[in-house]
Amino acid sequence: MVGGMLRHMKSLRSMRRDNGWIHTLLEEAENERMHLLTFLQLRQPGFVFRGLVLLSQVLPLLLLMSLLFFSCSSHVAPLLLTLHLFIF
């Protein structure tokens, strides 16, 4: 959905055709949505799975915000984690 919308806005700004990419991206988004709904019908996920999905969507945003606001300290944590993995 986001890709189709971005492509649509770019097409409007440049006043050019996108040769069908908008429809292709929207069809792909609908396909992924149907996969999600099928999965939800087959396996009704509990709180743990829903929490992991939420965490996987929020964590990159938190890491990006820490990189933007605390740029000097945000490079230290991955370095420490890497050193910890090599030591143990």
C-alpha atoms as a PDB file:
ATOM      1  CA  MET A   1       0.000   0.000   0.000  1.00  0.00           C
ATOM      2  CA  VAL A   2       2.742   2.443   0.937  1.00  0.00           C
ATOM      3  CA  GLY A   3       4.733   1.657  -2.190  1.00  0.00           C
ATOM      4  CA  GLY A   4       1.682   2.191  -4.386  1.00  0.00           C
ATOM      5  CA  MET A   5       0.899   5.482  -2.697  1.00  0.00           C
ATOM      6  CA  LEU A   6       4.486   6.731  -2.992  1.00  0.00           C
ATOM      7  CA  ARG A   7       4.563   5.723  -6.645  1.00  0.00           C
ATOM      8  CA  HIS A   8       1.227   7.493  -7.215  1.00  0.00           C
ATOM      9  CA  MET A   9       2.482  10.704  -5.603  1.00  0.00           C
ATOM     10  CA  LYS A  10       5.694  10.598  -7.632  1.00  0.00           C
ATOM     11  CA  SER A  11       3.672  10.092 -10.795  1.00  0.00           C
ATOM     12  CA  LEU A  12       1.490  13.096  -9.924  1.00  0.00           C
ATOM     13  CA  ARG A  13       4.501  15.295  -9.112  1.00  0.00           C
ATOM     14  CA  SER A  14       6.320  14.458 -12.322  1.00  0.00           C
ATOM     15  CA  MET A  15       3.122  14.421 -14.450  1.00  0.00           C
ATOM     16  CA  ARG A  16       4.203  11.141 -16.062  1.00  0.00           C
ATOM     17  CA  ARG A  17       2.679   7.695 -16.363  1.00  0.00           C
ATOM     18  CA  ASP A  18       4.173   4.979 -14.196  1.00  0.00           C
ATOM     19  CA  ASN A  19       3.448   2.170 -16.710  1.00  0.00           C
ATOM     20  CA  GLY A  20       1.227   0.158 -14.363  1.00  0.00           C
ATOM     21  CA  TRP A  21       3.466   0.018 -11.287  1.00  0.00           C
ATOM     22  CA  ILE A  22       0.795   1.490  -9.016  1.00  0.00           C
ATOM     23  CA  HIS A  23      -1.614  -1.348  -9.758  1.00  0.00           C
ATOM     24  CA  THR A  24       1.123  -3.954  -9.430  1.00  0.00           C
ATOM     25  CA  LEU A  25       2.136  -2.708  -5.990  1.00  0.00           C
ATOM     26  CA  LEU A  26      -1.474  -2.472  -4.803  1.00  0.00           C
ATOM     27  CA  GLU A  27      -2.167  -6.039  -5.995  1.00  0.00           C
ATOM     28  CA  GLU A  28       0.887  -7.250  -4.093  1.00  0.00           C
ATOM     29  CA  ALA A  29      -0.302  -5.471  -0.943  1.00  0.00           C
ATOM     30  CA  GLU A  30      -3.720  -7.120  -1.289  1.00  0.00           C
ATOM     31  CA  ASN A  31      -2.025 -10.499  -1.755  1.00  0.00           C
ATOM     32  CA  GLU A  32       0.010 -10.042   1.435  1.00  0.00           C
ATOM     33  CA  ARG A  33      -3.141  -8.960   3.286  1.00  0.00           C
ATOM     34  CA  MET A  34      -4.913 -12.135   2.204  1.00  0.00           C
ATOM     35  CA  HIS A  35      -1.967 -14.230   3.407  1.00  0.00           C
ATOM     36  CA  LEU A  36      -2.208 -12.521   6.784  1.00  0.00           C
ATOM     37  CA  LEU A  37      -5.965 -13.096   7.051  1.00  0.00           C
ATOM     38  CA  THR A  38      -5.559 -16.761   6.073  1.00  0.00           C
ATOM     39  CA  PHE A  39      -2.879 -17.209   8.740  1.00  0.00           C
ATOM     40  CA  LEU A  40      -5.101 -15.550  11.334  1.00  0.00           C
ATOM     41  CA  GLN A  41      -7.930 -17.953  10.484  1.00  0.00           C
ATOM     42  CA  LEU A  42      -5.736 -21.064  10.641  1.00  0.00           C
ATOM     43  CA  ARG A  43      -3.770 -20.212  13.756  1.00  0.00           C
ATOM     44  CA  GLN A  44      -5.323 -17.799  16.148  1.00  0.00           C
ATOM     45  CA  PRO A  45      -2.212 -16.144  17.599  1.00  0.00           C
ATOM     46  CA  GLY A  46      -1.980 -15.475  21.292  1.00  0.00           C
ATOM     47  CA  PHE A  47      -0.624 -12.525  23.223  1.00  0.00           C
ATOM     48  CA  VAL A  48       3.001 -13.648  22.910  1.00  0.00           C
ATOM     49  CA  PHE A  49       2.927 -13.762  19.110  1.00  0.00           C
ATOM     50  CA  ARG A  50       1.054 -10.463  18.887  1.00  0.00           C
ATOM     51  CA  GLY A  51       3.586  -8.904  21.252  1.00  0.00           C
ATOM     52  CA  LEU A  52       6.489 -10.140  19.134  1.00  0.00           C
ATOM     53  CA  VAL A  53       4.889  -8.695  16.001  1.00  0.00           C
ATOM     54  CA  LEU A  54       4.382  -5.366  17.749  1.00  0.00           C
ATOM     55  CA  LEU A  55       7.961  -5.419  19.029  1.00  0.00           C
ATOM     56  CA  SER A  56       9.298  -6.154  15.539  1.00  0.00           C
ATOM     57  CA  GLN A  57       7.443  -3.115  14.214  1.00  0.00           C
ATOM     58  CA  VAL A  58       8.351  -0.733  17.047  1.00  0.00           C
ATOM     59  CA  LEU A  59      11.988  -1.731  17.628  1.00  0.00           C
ATOM     60  CA  PRO A  60      13.362  -0.380  14.302  1.00  0.00           C
ATOM     61  CA  LEU A  61      11.614   2.931  14.987  1.00  0.00           C
ATOM     62  CA  LEU A  62      13.165   3.136  18.450  1.00  0.00           C
ATOM     63  CA  LEU A  63      16.599   2.300  17.053  1.00  0.00           C
ATOM     64  CA  LEU A  64      16.229   4.973  14.368  1.00  0.00           C
ATOM     65  CA  MET A  65      15.168   7.558  16.952  1.00  0.00           C
ATOM     66  CA  SER A  66      18.115   6.656  19.185  1.00  0.00           C
ATOM     67  CA  LEU A  67      20.452   6.984  16.205  1.00  0.00           C
ATOM     68  CA  LEU A  68      19.040  10.418  15.362  1.00  0.00           C
ATOM     69  CA  PHE A  69      18.950  11.856  18.875  1.00  0.00           C
ATOM     70  CA  PHE A  70      21.842  10.043  20.554  1.00  0.00           C
ATOM     71  CA  SER A  71      24.171   9.425  17.634  1.00  0.00           C
ATOM     72  CA  CYS A  72      27.380   9.130  19.662  1.00  0.00           C
ATOM     73  CA  SER A  73      26.012   6.567  22.116  1.00  0.00           C
ATOM     74  CA  SER A  74      23.901   4.562  19.676  1.00  0.00           C
ATOM     75  CA  HIS A  75      27.007   3.151  17.994  1.00  0.00           C
ATOM     76  CA  VAL A  76      28.342   1.826  21.290  1.00  0.00           C
ATOM     77  CA  ALA A  77      25.567  -0.702  21.987  1.00  0.00           C
ATOM     78  CA  PRO A  78      25.991  -2.754  18.757  1.00  0.00           C
ATOM     79  CA  LEU A  79      29.754  -2.706  19.292  1.00  0.00           C
ATOM     80  CA  LEU A  80      29.378  -4.023  22.853  1.00  0.00           C
ATOM     81  CA  LEU A  81      26.948  -6.682  21.671  1.00  0.00           C
ATOM     82  CA  THR A  82      29.385  -7.775  18.961  1.00  0.00           C
ATOM     83  CA  LEU A  83      32.254  -7.952  21.452  1.00  0.00           C
ATOM     84  CA  HIS A  84      30.068  -9.904  23.863  1.00  0.00           C
ATOM     85  CA  LEU A  85      29.266 -12.467  21.176  1.00  0.00           C
ATOM     86  CA  PHE A  86      32.934 -12.917  20.272  1.00  0.00           C
ATOM     87  CA  ILE A  87      34.059 -13.247  23.887  1.00  0.00           C
ATOM     88  CA  PHE A  88      31.471 -15.838  24.924  1.00  0.00           C
END
